[in-house]
Amino acid sequence: MKITAKYICFFAFVSLFFLFFTCKREEKITAIELPPTPVLSAQSSWGVVTSAHLRLREEPTINSKVITTLWKGYVVEIFSKRTHTETIEGKTGHWYQVVFQGLNGWVFGAYIDLYSSKERAEKAAAELK
């Protein structure tokens, strides 16, 4: 059975019809709206130094290099906490990763009081000074 020119033209026409009329143009994406995430809505914790001085360190260990010294009543923003506790000089606590005046480091938590807001921490700090 021979395929005639009519059949070839018919199949070519049908193929071209589906190719041009069934394909839709892609719409350009002008903006992407994302749902809120817990990371973006996380709240910070705050701490107030309660000892006469507290060393801000590069790593959460007593042997780590000291970045600066924090004095009693300084307010720090807390970003994370080590899961295990340590005992240093007879005091037990966690190490906290903090920021103070743009400096990032770690402090030993037995020498800070924790607060849920910056306002509460600043009020407590004013009472210590």
Protein backbone atom coordinates (compact mmCIF):
# COMPACT_ATOMS: atom_id res chain seq x y z
CA MET A 1 0.00 0.00 0.00
CA LYS A 2 1.45 3.28 -1.13
CA ILE A 3 1.20 6.46 0.87
CA THR A 4 0.01 9.14 -1.42
CA ALA A 5 0.80 12.82 -1.45
CA LYS A 6 -2.69 13.53 -0.03
CA TYR A 7 -1.96 11.57 3.14
CA ILE A 8 1.44 13.21 3.59
CA CYS A 9 -0.08 16.68 3.18
CA PHE A 10 -2.93 15.80 5.58
CA PHE A 11 -0.55 14.57 8.32
CA ALA A 12 1.72 17.59 7.81
CA PHE A 13 -1.26 19.95 8.10
CA VAL A 14 -2.56 18.22 11.27
CA SER A 15 0.92 18.25 12.81
CA LEU A 16 1.42 21.93 12.08
CA PHE A 17 -2.06 22.72 13.41
CA PHE A 18 -1.33 21.04 16.76
CA LEU A 19 2.13 22.55 16.90
CA PHE A 20 0.95 26.15 16.51
CA PHE A 21 -2.46 26.13 18.15
CA THR A 22 -2.02 23.83 21.13
CA CYS A 23 1.21 25.33 22.46
CA LYS A 24 0.67 28.27 24.76
CA ARG A 25 3.09 31.09 25.22
CA GLU A 26 4.88 31.19 28.52
CA GLU A 27 3.85 34.11 30.66
CA LYS A 28 6.65 36.19 32.07
CA ILE A 29 6.89 36.08 35.84
CA THR A 30 7.00 39.61 37.14
CA ALA A 31 6.98 38.90 40.87
CA ILE A 32 7.11 35.92 43.17
CA GLU A 33 5.12 36.02 46.38
CA LEU A 34 6.42 33.75 49.11
CA PRO A 35 4.53 32.74 52.23
CA PRO A 36 5.94 33.88 55.57
CA THR A 37 8.53 31.54 57.03
CA PRO A 38 9.44 30.89 60.66
CA VAL A 39 13.01 32.04 60.00
CA LEU A 40 11.85 35.48 58.94
CA SER A 41 9.46 35.85 61.84
CA ALA A 42 11.78 34.57 64.57
CA GLN A 43 12.16 36.76 67.64
CA SER A 44 15.46 37.58 69.25
CA SER A 45 16.35 36.95 72.85
CA TRP A 46 18.33 39.42 74.88
CA GLY A 47 20.77 39.13 77.74
CA VAL A 48 22.20 41.46 80.38
CA VAL A 49 25.70 40.94 81.76
CA THR A 50 25.42 40.40 85.54
CA SER A 51 29.08 39.91 86.45
CA ALA A 52 31.62 42.71 86.86
CA HIS A 53 33.11 41.72 83.50
CA LEU A 54 32.48 38.97 80.95
CA ARG A 55 34.69 37.97 78.04
CA LEU A 56 33.20 37.82 74.55
CA ARG A 57 35.03 34.94 72.84
CA GLU A 58 35.48 33.72 69.26
CA GLU A 59 34.37 30.16 70.11
CA PRO A 60 32.28 28.62 72.93
CA THR A 61 35.23 27.54 75.03
CA ILE A 62 37.19 29.12 77.87
CA ASN A 63 40.43 28.67 75.91
CA SER A 64 39.16 30.60 72.87
CA LYS A 65 40.56 33.99 71.90
CA VAL A 66 38.91 36.98 73.63
CA ILE A 67 37.28 39.51 71.28
CA THR A 68 36.44 42.11 73.92
CA THR A 69 35.31 42.46 77.52
CA LEU A 70 31.67 43.16 78.36
CA TRP A 71 30.92 45.04 81.58
CA LYS A 72 28.09 44.68 84.07
CA GLY A 73 24.84 46.02 82.65
CA TYR A 74 25.74 45.64 78.97
CA VAL A 75 22.88 44.35 76.79
CA VAL A 76 23.60 41.66 74.18
CA GLU A 77 21.40 40.14 71.49
CA ILE A 78 21.33 36.33 71.65
CA PHE A 79 21.24 34.27 68.45
CA SER A 80 21.86 30.71 69.59
CA LYS A 81 22.62 28.51 72.56
CA ARG A 82 24.78 25.40 72.84
CA THR A 83 22.72 22.33 73.71
CA HIS A 84 24.91 21.08 76.53
CA THR A 85 25.85 22.81 79.75
CA GLU A 86 29.32 23.33 81.20
CA THR A 87 30.58 24.13 84.65
CA ILE A 88 33.17 26.90 84.82
CA GLU A 89 34.51 28.29 88.10
CA GLY A 90 31.75 26.46 89.97
CA LYS A 91 28.92 27.92 87.83
CA THR A 92 26.89 25.84 85.38
CA GLY A 93 25.41 27.27 82.21
CA HIS A 94 25.18 27.23 78.43
CA TRP A 95 27.34 29.10 75.98
CA TYR A 96 25.36 31.74 74.03
CA GLN A 97 26.21 33.18 70.64
CA VAL A 98 25.63 36.92 70.88
CA VAL A 99 26.12 40.24 69.12
CA PHE A 100 27.29 43.33 70.96
CA GLN A 101 27.84 46.61 69.07
CA GLY A 102 28.46 44.71 65.82
CA LEU A 103 30.83 42.17 67.38
CA ASN A 104 29.81 38.50 67.08
CA GLY A 105 31.00 36.02 69.67
CA TRP A 106 30.21 33.66 72.54
CA VAL A 107 29.59 34.30 76.25
CA PHE A 108 29.14 31.91 79.15
CA GLY A 109 25.49 32.02 80.18
CA ALA A 110 25.98 31.73 83.94
CA TYR A 111 26.93 35.41 83.91
CA ILE A 112 23.95 36.82 81.99
CA ASP A 113 20.23 37.15 82.70
CA LEU A 114 17.90 36.39 79.78
CA TYR A 115 14.97 38.52 78.56
CA SER A 116 12.39 38.13 75.81
CA SER A 117 12.56 41.74 74.64
CA LYS A 118 15.16 44.43 74.24
CA GLU A 119 13.08 46.85 76.29
CA ARG A 120 12.99 44.49 79.30
CA ALA A 121 16.71 43.86 79.01
CA GLU A 122 17.49 47.59 78.87
CA LYS A 123 15.28 48.23 81.91
CA ALA A 124 17.07 45.49 83.87
CA ALA A 125 20.45 46.82 82.72
CA ALA A 126 19.59 50.32 83.96
CA GLU A 127 18.77 48.89 87.40
CA LEU A 128 22.18 47.13 87.56
CA LYS A 129 24.22 50.26 86.84
